[in-house]
Structures are given as structure tokens and as C-alpha cells.
Amino acid sequence: MDKATFIEGLRNERAGWEALLAQVGEERMLEPGAAGAWSIKDIIAHIMWGEREMIGVCKQHALVGSDLWNLPDSVADHCWLFV
């Protein structure tokens, strides 16, 4: 895949994401229960953290980022509970 195709796909997916958020509406963003006790806003914050981490991965062409990447699997599997 070339860079232009990647960026076009990224833009298309982002447009779909924005459309989905528009359907949810601001009033429902803080309601718990979208995934366990998490609200939609909590889930979005979690996704955005992952996207920010991927910037470093893409720039360095390596799996780098915060120290959370280095946690043992037994701990990392439960980190989402504390976000």
C-alpha cells in the first residue's frame, strides 16, 4: 500500500467515525454502560490514547511508546479497568 492510499483510507474511516459519533449525540456520551461501567466518552479516550501511541510507532517504524507497552501480559490485560 502506498502513502496516498493509506491516507485516503484513514480519512474515509475517520469520516465514518465522525458520522457514528454524530448518531450517538453529546447527551449520551457520559452515560455509563456502553461497555461495562465505561461510557462512550471513556471508550473514545481509550481509543485516542492508542492512536497517539501509534504515532510514535509509525514515525519510528517500531513498537515504541509509553511504558504501558512494556507491561507483562498479565498486567496489561487488566489495565483497561483503570483508564
PDB file of N, CA and C in Angstrom:
ATOM      1  N   MET A   1       0.859  -1.167   0.000  1.00  0.00           N
ATOM      2  CA  MET A   1       0.000   0.000   0.000  1.00  0.00           C
ATOM      3  C   MET A   1       0.908   1.234   0.000  1.00  0.00           C
ATOM      4  N   ASP A   2       0.585   2.181  -0.845  1.00  0.00           N
ATOM      5  CA  ASP A   2       1.380   3.417  -0.857  1.00  0.00           C
ATOM      6  C   ASP A   2       0.795   4.431   0.123  1.00  0.00           C
ATOM      7  N   LYS A   3       1.538   5.499   0.342  1.00  0.00           N
ATOM      8  CA  LYS A   3       1.159   6.506   1.338  1.00  0.00           C
ATOM      9  C   LYS A   3      -0.181   7.161   0.998  1.00  0.00           C
ATOM     10  N   ALA A   4      -0.395   7.500  -0.267  1.00  0.00           N
ATOM     11  CA  ALA A   4      -1.645   8.166  -0.661  1.00  0.00           C
ATOM     12  C   ALA A   4      -2.858   7.277  -0.385  1.00  0.00           C
ATOM     13  N   THR A   5      -2.736   5.995  -0.681  1.00  0.00           N
ATOM     14  CA  THR A   5      -3.835   5.059  -0.436  1.00  0.00           C
ATOM     15  C   THR A   5      -4.103   4.932   1.060  1.00  0.00           C
ATOM     16  N   PHE A   6      -3.032   4.864   1.832  1.00  0.00           N
ATOM     17  CA  PHE A   6      -3.168   4.779   3.283  1.00  0.00           C
ATOM     18  C   PHE A   6      -3.889   6.005   3.838  1.00  0.00           C
ATOM     19  N   ILE A   7      -3.458   7.185   3.431  1.00  0.00           N
ATOM     20  CA  ILE A   7      -4.063   8.422   3.931  1.00  0.00           C
ATOM     21  C   ILE A   7      -5.513   8.543   3.496  1.00  0.00           C
ATOM     22  N   GLU A   8      -5.820   8.155   2.268  1.00  0.00           N
ATOM     23  CA  GLU A   8      -7.216   8.186   1.802  1.00  0.00           C
ATOM     24  C   GLU A   8      -8.075   7.248   2.649  1.00  0.00           C
ATOM     25  N   GLY A   9      -7.575   6.057   2.913  1.00  0.00           N
ATOM     26  CA  GLY A   9      -8.314   5.117   3.754  1.00  0.00           C
ATOM     27  C   GLY A   9      -8.510   5.645   5.158  1.00  0.00           C
ATOM     28  N   LEU A  10      -7.473   6.268   5.699  1.00  0.00           N
ATOM     29  CA  LEU A  10      -7.558   6.860   7.028  1.00  0.00           C
ATOM     30  C   LEU A  10      -8.615   7.956   7.071  1.00  0.00           C
ATOM     31  N   ARG A  11      -8.638   8.795   6.074  1.00  0.00           N
ATOM     32  CA  ARG A  11      -9.648   9.867   6.008  1.00  0.00           C
ATOM     33  C   ARG A  11     -11.056   9.299   5.880  1.00  0.00           C
ATOM     34  N   ASN A  12     -11.210   8.281   5.066  1.00  0.00           N
ATOM     35  CA  ASN A  12     -12.530   7.663   4.902  1.00  0.00           C
ATOM     36  C   ASN A  12     -13.013   7.039   6.205  1.00  0.00           C
ATOM     37  N   GLU A  13     -12.129   6.346   6.891  1.00  0.00           N
ATOM     38  CA  GLU A  13     -12.508   5.728   8.160  1.00  0.00           C
ATOM     39  C   GLU A  13     -12.821   6.779   9.212  1.00  0.00           C
ATOM     40  N   ARG A  14     -12.061   7.866   9.210  1.00  0.00           N
ATOM     41  CA  ARG A  14     -12.318   8.948  10.168  1.00  0.00           C
ATOM     42  C   ARG A  14     -13.690   9.574   9.910  1.00  0.00           C
ATOM     43  N   ALA A  15     -14.057   9.729   8.644  1.00  0.00           N
ATOM     44  CA  ALA A  15     -15.377  10.271   8.306  1.00  0.00           C
ATOM     45  C   ALA A  15     -16.480   9.343   8.824  1.00  0.00           C
ATOM     46  N   GLY A  16     -16.272   8.040   8.701  1.00  0.00           N
ATOM     47  CA  GLY A  16     -17.234   7.081   9.239  1.00  0.00           C
ATOM     48  C   GLY A  16     -17.339   7.174  10.752  1.00  0.00           C
ATOM     49  N   TRP A  17     -16.194   7.366  11.410  1.00  0.00           N
ATOM     50  CA  TRP A  17     -16.155   7.527  12.867  1.00  0.00           C
ATOM     51  C   TRP A  17     -16.939   8.764  13.292  1.00  0.00           C
ATOM     52  N   GLU A  18     -16.705   9.866  12.598  1.00  0.00           N
ATOM     53  CA  GLU A  18     -17.413  11.113  12.909  1.00  0.00           C
ATOM     54  C   GLU A  18     -18.918  10.947  12.714  1.00  0.00           C
ATOM     55  N   ALA A  19     -19.319  10.241  11.684  1.00  0.00           N
ATOM     56  CA  ALA A  19     -20.747  10.006  11.438  1.00  0.00           C
ATOM     57  C   ALA A  19     -21.360   9.172  12.565  1.00  0.00           C
ATOM     58  N   LEU A  20     -20.622   8.171  13.031  1.00  0.00           N
ATOM     59  CA  LEU A  20     -21.098   7.340  14.131  1.00  0.00           C
ATOM     60  C   LEU A  20     -21.266   8.167  15.407  1.00  0.00           C
ATOM     61  N   LEU A  21     -20.280   9.016  15.699  1.00  0.00           N
ATOM     62  CA  LEU A  21     -20.381   9.871  16.884  1.00  0.00           C
ATOM     63  C   LEU A  21     -21.570  10.821  16.793  1.00  0.00           C
ATOM     64  N   ALA A  22     -21.845  11.316  15.613  1.00  0.00           N
ATOM     65  CA  ALA A  22     -22.992  12.214  15.433  1.00  0.00           C
ATOM     66  C   ALA A  22     -24.300  11.487  15.751  1.00  0.00           C
ATOM     67  N   GLN A  23     -24.375  10.205  15.454  1.00  0.00           N
ATOM     68  CA  GLN A  23     -25.572   9.429  15.762  1.00  0.00           C
ATOM     69  C   GLN A  23     -25.752   9.242  17.266  1.00  0.00           C
ATOM     70  N   VAL A  24     -24.639   9.123  17.983  1.00  0.00           N
ATOM     71  CA  VAL A  24     -24.703   8.925  19.430  1.00  0.00           C
ATOM     72  C   VAL A  24     -25.203  10.190  20.111  1.00  0.00           C
ATOM     73  N   GLY A  25     -24.659  11.328  19.739  1.00  0.00           N
ATOM     74  CA  GLY A  25     -25.064  12.603  20.330  1.00  0.00           C
ATOM     75  C   GLY A  25     -24.354  12.880  21.650  1.00  0.00           C
ATOM     76  N   GLU A  26     -24.180  14.151  21.930  1.00  0.00           N
ATOM     77  CA  GLU A  26     -23.451  14.582  23.124  1.00  0.00           C
ATOM     78  C   GLU A  26     -24.116  14.134  24.423  1.00  0.00           C
ATOM     79  N   GLU A  27     -25.419  14.139  24.462  1.00  0.00           N
ATOM     80  CA  GLU A  27     -26.129  13.826  25.709  1.00  0.00           C
ATOM     81  C   GLU A  27     -25.881  12.391  26.180  1.00  0.00           C
ATOM     82  N   ARG A  28     -25.588  11.484  25.252  1.00  0.00           N
ATOM     83  CA  ARG A  28     -25.372  10.082  25.619  1.00  0.00           C
ATOM     84  C   ARG A  28     -23.903   9.749  25.869  1.00  0.00           C
ATOM     85  N   MET A  29     -23.000  10.672  25.590  1.00  0.00           N
ATOM     86  CA  MET A  29     -21.562  10.396  25.697  1.00  0.00           C
ATOM     87  C   MET A  29     -21.107  10.028  27.110  1.00  0.00           C
ATOM     88  N   LEU A  30     -21.753  10.573  28.125  1.00  0.00           N
ATOM     89  CA  LEU A  30     -21.314  10.358  29.507  1.00  0.00           C
ATOM     90  C   LEU A  30     -22.071   9.253  30.228  1.00  0.00           C
ATOM     91  N   GLU A  31     -23.071   8.683  29.599  1.00  0.00           N
ATOM     92  CA  GLU A  31     -23.858   7.633  30.245  1.00  0.00           C
ATOM     93  C   GLU A  31     -23.028   6.364  30.396  1.00  0.00           C
ATOM     94  N   PRO A  32     -22.898   5.852  31.618  1.00  0.00           N
ATOM     95  CA  PRO A  32     -22.177   4.590  31.792  1.00  0.00           C
ATOM     96  C   PRO A  32     -22.962   3.438  31.186  1.00  0.00           C
ATOM     97  N   GLY A  33     -22.262   2.358  30.910  1.00  0.00           N
ATOM     98  CA  GLY A  33     -22.933   1.162  30.431  1.00  0.00           C
ATOM     99  C   GLY A  33     -22.679   0.819  28.979  1.00  0.00           C
ATOM    100  N   ALA A  34     -21.921   1.628  28.276  1.00  0.00           N
ATOM    101  CA  ALA A  34     -21.633   1.295  26.876  1.00  0.00           C
ATOM    102  C   ALA A  34     -20.803   0.021  26.784  1.00  0.00           C
ATOM    103  N   ALA A  35     -19.891  -0.154  27.744  1.00  0.00           N
ATOM    104  CA  ALA A  35     -19.077  -1.366  27.869  1.00  0.00           C
ATOM    105  C   ALA A  35     -18.764  -1.528  29.349  1.00  0.00           C
ATOM    106  N   GLY A  36     -19.567  -2.299  30.046  1.00  0.00           N
ATOM    107  CA  GLY A  36     -19.413  -2.392  31.494  1.00  0.00           C
ATOM    108  C   GLY A  36     -19.752  -1.046  32.111  1.00  0.00           C
ATOM    109  N   ALA A  37     -18.852  -0.546  32.946  1.00  0.00           N
ATOM    110  CA  ALA A  37     -19.078   0.756  33.582  1.00  0.00           C
ATOM    111  C   ALA A  37     -18.609   1.911  32.705  1.00  0.00           C
ATOM    112  N   TRP A  38     -17.972   1.612  31.605  1.00  0.00           N
ATOM    113  CA  TRP A  38     -17.425   2.661  30.737  1.00  0.00           C
ATOM    114  C   TRP A  38     -18.521   3.366  29.951  1.00  0.00           C
ATOM    115  N   SER A  39     -18.368   4.680  29.849  1.00  0.00           N
ATOM    116  CA  SER A  39     -19.240   5.467  28.975  1.00  0.00           C
ATOM    117  C   SER A  39     -18.625   5.483  27.573  1.00  0.00           C
ATOM    118  N   ILE A  40     -19.369   6.009  26.639  1.00  0.00           N
ATOM    119  CA  ILE A  40     -18.833   6.150  25.285  1.00  0.00           C
ATOM    120  C   ILE A  40     -17.620   7.073  25.307  1.00  0.00           C
ATOM    121  N   LYS A  41     -17.681   8.122  26.131  1.00  0.00           N
ATOM    122  CA  LYS A  41     -16.546   9.027  26.257  1.00  0.00           C
ATOM    123  C   LYS A  41     -15.308   8.289  26.773  1.00  0.00           C
ATOM    124  N   ASP A  42     -15.472   7.395  27.742  1.00  0.00           N
ATOM    125  CA  ASP A  42     -14.357   6.601  28.254  1.00  0.00           C
ATOM    126  C   ASP A  42     -13.740   5.751  27.145  1.00  0.00           C
ATOM    127  N   ILE A  43     -14.588   5.136  26.354  1.00  0.00           N
ATOM    128  CA  ILE A  43     -14.106   4.284  25.266  1.00  0.00           C
ATOM    129  C   ILE A  43     -13.349   5.113  24.236  1.00  0.00           C
ATOM    130  N   ILE A  44     -13.882   6.272  23.907  1.00  0.00           N
ATOM    131  CA  ILE A  44     -13.210   7.156  22.948  1.00  0.00           C
ATOM    132  C   ILE A  44     -11.845   7.584  23.482  1.00  0.00           C
ATOM    133  N   ALA A  45     -11.771   7.923  24.768  1.00  0.00           N
ATOM    134  CA  ALA A  45     -10.494   8.319  25.370  1.00  0.00           C
ATOM    135  C   ALA A  45      -9.487   7.185  25.263  1.00  0.00           C
ATOM    136  N   HIS A  46      -9.935   5.969  25.478  1.00  0.00           N
ATOM    137  CA  HIS A  46      -9.064   4.794  25.370  1.00  0.00           C
ATOM    138  C   HIS A  46      -8.559   4.623  23.926  1.00  0.00           C
ATOM    139  N   ILE A  47      -9.443   4.776  22.974  1.00  0.00           N
ATOM    140  CA  ILE A  47      -9.059   4.660  21.560  1.00  0.00           C
ATOM    141  C   ILE A  47      -8.087   5.765  21.179  1.00  0.00           C
ATOM    142  N   MET A  48      -8.360   6.973  21.642  1.00  0.00           N
ATOM    143  CA  MET A  48      -7.478   8.100  21.310  1.00  0.00           C
ATOM    144  C   MET A  48      -6.084   7.905  21.898  1.00  0.00           C
ATOM    145  N   TRP A  49      -5.987   7.349  23.100  1.00  0.00           N
ATOM    146  CA  TRP A  49      -4.676   7.046  23.674  1.00  0.00           C
ATOM    147  C   TRP A  49      -3.929   6.097  22.742  1.00  0.00           C
ATOM    148  N   GLY A  50      -4.623   5.074  22.281  1.00  0.00           N
ATOM    149  CA  GLY A  50      -3.998   4.122  21.361  1.00  0.00           C
ATOM    150  C   GLY A  50      -3.544   4.779  20.073  1.00  0.00           C
ATOM    151  N   GLU A  51      -4.356   5.679  19.545  1.00  0.00           N
ATOM    152  CA  GLU A  51      -3.968   6.384  18.324  1.00  0.00           C
ATOM    153  C   GLU A  51      -2.728   7.242  18.549  1.00  0.00           C
ATOM    154  N   ARG A  52      -2.661   7.926  19.687  1.00  0.00           N
ATOM    155  CA  ARG A  52      -1.476   8.740  19.994  1.00  0.00           C
ATOM    156  C   ARG A  52      -0.243   7.855  20.120  1.00  0.00           C
ATOM    157  N   GLU A  53      -0.383   6.701  20.738  1.00  0.00           N
ATOM    158  CA  GLU A  53       0.737   5.773  20.854  1.00  0.00           C
ATOM    159  C   GLU A  53       1.211   5.319  19.478  1.00  0.00           C
ATOM    160  N   MET A  54       0.278   5.116  18.555  1.00  0.00           N
ATOM    161  CA  MET A  54       0.636   4.631  17.223  1.00  0.00           C
ATOM    162  C   MET A  54       1.406   5.670  16.418  1.00  0.00           C
ATOM    163  N   ILE A  55       1.298   6.946  16.762  1.00  0.00           N
ATOM    164  CA  ILE A  55       2.076   7.968  16.056  1.00  0.00           C
ATOM    165  C   ILE A  55       3.558   7.670  16.198  1.00  0.00           C
ATOM    166  N   GLY A  56       3.993   7.383  17.420  1.00  0.00           N
ATOM    167  CA  GLY A  56       5.397   7.033  17.641  1.00  0.00           C
ATOM    168  C   GLY A  56       5.786   5.760  16.929  1.00  0.00           C
ATOM    169  N   VAL A  57       4.903   4.778  16.936  1.00  0.00           N
ATOM    170  CA  VAL A  57       5.170   3.514  16.249  1.00  0.00           C
ATOM    171  C   VAL A  57       5.378   3.765  14.756  1.00  0.00           C
ATOM    172  N   CYS A  58       4.496   4.556  14.164  1.00  0.00           N
ATOM    173  CA  CYS A  58       4.589   4.835  12.726  1.00  0.00           C
ATOM    174  C   CYS A  58       5.833   5.662  12.394  1.00  0.00           C
ATOM    175  N   LYS A  59       6.135   6.656  13.219  1.00  0.00           N
ATOM    176  CA  LYS A  59       7.292   7.501  12.944  1.00  0.00           C
ATOM    177  C   LYS A  59       8.601   6.729  13.042  1.00  0.00           C
ATOM    178  N   GLN A  60       8.692   5.824  14.018  1.00  0.00           N
ATOM    179  CA  GLN A  60       9.941   5.110  14.223  1.00  0.00           C
ATOM    180  C   GLN A  60       9.940   3.719  13.604  1.00  0.00           C
ATOM    181  N   HIS A  61       8.842   3.349  13.000  1.00  0.00           N
ATOM    182  CA  HIS A  61       8.716   2.013  12.403  1.00  0.00           C
ATOM    183  C   HIS A  61       9.072   0.930  13.425  1.00  0.00           C
ATOM    184  N   ALA A  62       8.668   1.169  14.681  1.00  0.00           N
ATOM    185  CA  ALA A  62       8.961   0.229  15.756  1.00  0.00           C
ATOM    186  C   ALA A  62       7.880   0.341  16.819  1.00  0.00           C
ATOM    187  N   LEU A  63       7.720  -0.707  17.574  1.00  0.00           N
ATOM    188  CA  LEU A  63       6.738  -0.712  18.649  1.00  0.00           C
ATOM    189  C   LEU A  63       7.324   0.016  19.846  1.00  0.00           C
ATOM    190  N   VAL A  64       7.129   1.350  19.862  1.00  0.00           N
ATOM    191  CA  VAL A  64       7.641   2.189  20.942  1.00  0.00           C
ATOM    192  C   VAL A  64       6.504   3.063  21.442  1.00  0.00           C
ATOM    193  N   GLY A  65       6.658   3.618  22.590  1.00  0.00           N
ATOM    194  CA  GLY A  65       5.632   4.489  23.131  1.00  0.00           C
ATOM    195  C   GLY A  65       5.767   4.562  24.630  1.00  0.00           C
ATOM    196  N   SER A  66       4.656   4.634  25.322  1.00  0.00           N
ATOM    197  CA  SER A  66       4.688   4.767  26.769  1.00  0.00           C
ATOM    198  C   SER A  66       5.152   3.464  27.409  1.00  0.00           C
ATOM    199  N   ASP A  67       5.429   3.547  28.702  1.00  0.00           N
ATOM    200  CA  ASP A  67       5.856   2.365  29.454  1.00  0.00           C
ATOM    201  C   ASP A  67       4.774   1.289  29.511  1.00  0.00           C
ATOM    202  N   LEU A  68       3.527   1.667  29.237  1.00  0.00           N
ATOM    203  CA  LEU A  68       2.451   0.669  29.251  1.00  0.00           C
ATOM    204  C   LEU A  68       2.674  -0.427  28.216  1.00  0.00           C
ATOM    205  N   TRP A  69       3.430  -0.130  27.148  1.00  0.00           N
ATOM    206  CA  TRP A  69       3.737  -1.149  26.145  1.00  0.00           C
ATOM    207  C   TRP A  69       4.591  -2.260  26.746  1.00  0.00           C
ATOM    208  N   ASN A  70       5.323  -1.968  27.815  1.00  0.00           N
ATOM    209  CA  ASN A  70       6.274  -2.923  28.374  1.00  0.00           C
ATOM    210  C   ASN A  70       5.721  -3.730  29.543  1.00  0.00           C
ATOM    211  N   LEU A  71       4.470  -3.542  29.884  1.00  0.00           N
ATOM    212  CA  LEU A  71       3.878  -4.297  30.979  1.00  0.00           C
ATOM    213  C   LEU A  71       3.745  -5.766  30.610  1.00  0.00           C
ATOM    214  N   PRO A  72       3.910  -6.660  31.580  1.00  0.00           N
ATOM    215  CA  PRO A  72       3.660  -8.083  31.280  1.00  0.00           C
ATOM    216  C   PRO A  72       2.199  -8.284  30.900  1.00  0.00           C
ATOM    217  N   ASP A  73       1.938  -9.266  30.084  1.00  0.00           N
ATOM    218  CA  ASP A  73       0.573  -9.510  29.606  1.00  0.00           C
ATOM    219  C   ASP A  73      -0.425  -9.660  30.740  1.00  0.00           C
ATOM    220  N   SER A  74      -0.018 -10.283  31.843  1.00  0.00           N
ATOM    221  CA  SER A  74      -0.939 -10.491  32.953  1.00  0.00           C
ATOM    222  C   SER A  74      -1.417  -9.175  33.541  1.00  0.00           C
ATOM    223  N   VAL A  75      -0.601  -8.140  33.478  1.00  0.00           N
ATOM    224  CA  VAL A  75      -0.971  -6.817  33.968  1.00  0.00           C
ATOM    225  C   VAL A  75      -1.681  -6.031  32.870  1.00  0.00           C
ATOM    226  N   ALA A  76      -1.119  -6.056  31.665  1.00  0.00           N
ATOM    227  CA  ALA A  76      -1.661  -5.276  30.548  1.00  0.00           C
ATOM    228  C   ALA A  76      -3.109  -5.671  30.244  1.00  0.00           C
ATOM    229  N   ASP A  77      -3.438  -6.935  30.394  1.00  0.00           N
ATOM    230  CA  ASP A  77      -4.795  -7.390  30.102  1.00  0.00           C
ATOM    231  C   ASP A  77      -5.836  -6.747  31.017  1.00  0.00           C
ATOM    232  N   HIS A  78      -5.406  -6.227  32.165  1.00  0.00           N
ATOM    233  CA  HIS A  78      -6.334  -5.631  33.113  1.00  0.00           C
ATOM    234  C   HIS A  78      -6.214  -4.115  33.219  1.00  0.00           C
ATOM    235  N   CYS A  79      -5.316  -3.510  32.462  1.00  0.00           N
ATOM    236  CA  CYS A  79      -5.107  -2.056  32.549  1.00  0.00           C
ATOM    237  C   CYS A  79      -6.352  -1.275  32.164  1.00  0.00           C
ATOM    238  N   TRP A  80      -7.129  -1.787  31.233  1.00  0.00           N
ATOM    239  CA  TRP A  80      -8.310  -1.047  30.787  1.00  0.00           C
ATOM    240  C   TRP A  80      -9.271  -0.793  31.932  1.00  0.00           C
ATOM    241  N   LEU A  81      -9.196  -1.576  32.980  1.00  0.00           N
ATOM    242  CA  LEU A  81     -10.092  -1.382  34.112  1.00  0.00           C
ATOM    243  C   LEU A  81      -9.820  -0.072  34.852  1.00  0.00           C
ATOM    244  N   PHE A  82      -8.606   0.462  34.684  1.00  0.00           N
ATOM    245  CA  PHE A  82      -8.206   1.634  35.447  1.00  0.00           C
ATOM    246  C   PHE A  82      -8.127   2.894  34.619  1.00  0.00           C
ATOM    247  N   VAL A  83      -8.517   2.835  33.352  1.00  0.00           N
ATOM    248  CA  VAL A  83      -8.445   4.018  32.477  1.00  0.00           C
ATOM    249  C   VAL A  83      -9.603   4.929  32.760  1.00  0.00           C
TER     250      VAL A  83
END
